[in-house]
Amino acid sequence: QVQLEESGGGLVQAGGSLRLSCKQSGGTLGGNDMGWFRQAPGKEREFVAAISWSGRYTYYADSVKGRFSISRNNAKNTMDLQMNSLTPEDTAVYYCGRQTDSSLSYYLPIAYKYWGRGTQVTVSS
């Protein structure tokens, strides 16, 4: 049974940085594209970043492009999200997901079957 667990969230001031990590247990990370999504109160879960199974290709939402960086280490079954220049608009619960339906676009939550429980990121102004 695949399980994902996020860590690294917290409270940070605007302009600061955080690094989120996602650890998979049960199965290997390689072979599947992975992604980060976030959900703010009262809003739908939205795409943040995704990375191909090899790590060669990365994709970002326009709102985080140039500030966030996604990476993965298949040998360690981990995926990270480096977040810089954070703003209050980045405040949300961040989820990592493992894409299981490659026929769907990486930015659609429905393409992901496995999710972590999320980690809270709060950016104060």
Protein backbone atom coordinates (compact mmCIF):
# COMPACT_ATOMS: atom_id res chain seq x y z
CA GLN A 1 0.00 0.00 0.00
CA VAL A 2 1.46 3.31 -1.13
CA GLN A 3 1.52 5.99 1.53
CA LEU A 4 2.73 9.55 1.17
CA GLU A 5 3.68 11.86 4.00
CA GLU A 6 4.48 15.55 3.72
CA SER A 7 6.68 17.50 6.09
CA GLY A 8 8.34 20.88 6.33
CA GLY A 9 5.38 23.20 6.57
CA GLY A 10 5.18 26.02 9.07
CA LEU A 11 4.82 29.73 9.66
CA VAL A 12 7.07 32.09 7.78
CA GLN A 13 7.14 35.80 7.07
CA ALA A 14 6.54 37.16 3.61
CA GLY A 15 9.71 36.95 1.55
CA GLY A 16 10.90 33.91 3.44
CA SER A 17 11.50 30.34 2.33
CA LEU A 18 10.37 26.86 3.22
CA ARG A 19 11.28 23.44 1.92
CA LEU A 20 8.59 20.79 1.83
CA SER A 21 9.36 17.11 1.60
CA CYS A 22 7.24 14.16 0.58
CA LYS A 23 8.23 10.66 1.61
CA GLN A 24 6.68 7.61 0.04
CA SER A 25 6.46 4.31 1.84
CA GLY A 26 5.21 1.09 0.30
CA GLY A 27 6.44 0.67 -3.25
CA THR A 28 9.00 2.67 -5.16
CA LEU A 29 8.75 6.27 -6.22
CA GLY A 30 10.22 5.72 -9.66
CA GLY A 31 7.98 5.15 -12.63
CA ASN A 32 5.31 7.69 -11.73
CA ASP A 33 5.09 11.40 -12.17
CA MET A 34 4.60 13.26 -8.90
CA GLY A 35 3.09 16.57 -8.02
CA TRP A 36 2.43 19.19 -5.38
CA PHE A 37 -0.96 20.77 -4.94
CA ARG A 38 -2.33 23.21 -2.41
CA GLN A 39 -5.70 24.08 -0.99
CA ALA A 40 -6.60 27.29 0.77
CA PRO A 41 -9.73 27.56 2.96
CA GLY A 42 -12.85 27.77 0.85
CA LYS A 43 -10.97 27.07 -2.36
CA GLU A 44 -10.47 24.05 -4.56
CA ARG A 45 -7.24 22.10 -4.60
CA GLU A 46 -4.94 23.70 -7.13
CA PHE A 47 -1.87 22.56 -9.00
CA VAL A 48 1.49 23.91 -7.84
CA ALA A 49 4.23 21.83 -9.48
CA ALA A 50 4.88 18.44 -11.01
CA ILE A 51 7.91 16.39 -11.94
CA SER A 52 8.30 13.50 -14.35
CA TRP A 53 9.31 10.08 -13.08
CA SER A 54 12.90 10.61 -14.19
CA GLY A 55 13.08 14.14 -12.82
CA ARG A 56 13.97 15.42 -16.26
CA TYR A 57 10.80 17.41 -16.78
CA THR A 58 9.25 19.86 -14.35
CA TYR A 59 6.09 21.91 -14.55
CA TYR A 60 4.89 24.85 -12.52
CA ALA A 61 1.79 26.91 -12.04
CA ASP A 62 2.26 30.43 -13.30
CA SER A 63 1.75 31.76 -9.78
CA VAL A 64 4.85 29.99 -8.47
CA LYS A 65 7.09 29.91 -11.51
CA GLY A 66 10.50 31.36 -10.72
CA ARG A 67 9.93 31.08 -6.96
CA PHE A 68 9.34 27.35 -6.37
CA SER A 69 11.51 24.42 -7.40
CA ILE A 70 10.48 20.78 -7.43
CA SER A 71 12.90 17.88 -7.22
CA ARG A 72 12.89 14.17 -6.46
CA ASN A 73 15.21 11.41 -5.34
CA ASN A 74 13.87 8.06 -6.48
CA ALA A 75 16.54 6.17 -4.56
CA LYS A 76 15.27 7.71 -1.32
CA ASN A 77 11.60 7.72 -2.33
CA THR A 78 11.39 11.44 -1.68
CA MET A 79 10.20 14.54 -3.47
CA ASP A 80 10.88 18.11 -2.37
CA LEU A 81 9.44 21.53 -3.03
CA GLN A 82 11.71 24.48 -2.39
CA MET A 83 9.61 27.60 -1.91
CA ASN A 84 11.25 31.02 -2.01
CA SER A 85 9.94 34.57 -1.91
CA LEU A 86 6.78 33.41 -0.22
CA THR A 87 3.75 35.68 -0.10
CA PRO A 88 0.55 35.52 1.99
CA GLU A 89 -1.20 34.21 -1.14
CA ASP A 90 0.87 31.04 -0.81
CA THR A 91 -0.84 30.22 2.47
CA ALA A 92 -2.54 26.85 2.14
CA VAL A 93 -2.34 23.19 3.00
CA TYR A 94 0.15 21.59 0.64
CA TYR A 95 -0.33 18.04 -0.58
CA CYS A 96 1.95 15.74 -2.49
CA GLY A 97 0.45 13.29 -4.90
CA ARG A 98 1.48 10.37 -7.05
CA GLN A 99 0.03 10.45 -10.53
CA THR A 100 -1.56 7.17 -11.53
CA ASP A 101 -3.48 8.11 -14.68
CA SER A 102 -1.01 9.24 -17.32
CA SER A 103 -3.83 9.87 -19.80
CA LEU A 104 -4.79 12.93 -17.77
CA SER A 105 -2.85 16.11 -17.46
CA TYR A 106 -0.43 16.50 -14.57
CA TYR A 107 -2.27 19.59 -13.35
CA LEU A 108 -5.55 17.77 -12.72
CA PRO A 109 -6.03 16.41 -9.19
CA ILE A 110 -8.09 13.57 -10.62
CA ALA A 111 -4.94 12.21 -12.27
CA TYR A 112 -3.54 11.40 -8.84
CA LYS A 113 -4.71 8.42 -6.83
CA TYR A 114 -2.38 8.65 -3.85
CA TRP A 115 -2.19 11.70 -1.62
CA GLY A 116 -0.53 12.64 1.60
CA ARG A 117 -2.45 14.21 4.47
CA GLY A 118 -1.00 17.63 3.79
CA THR A 119 1.21 20.10 5.58
CA GLN A 120 0.16 23.63 6.52
CA VAL A 121 2.09 26.57 5.12
CA THR A 122 1.23 29.97 6.56
CA VAL A 123 2.87 33.12 5.28
CA SER A 124 2.40 36.24 7.38
CA SER A 125 2.51 39.74 5.91
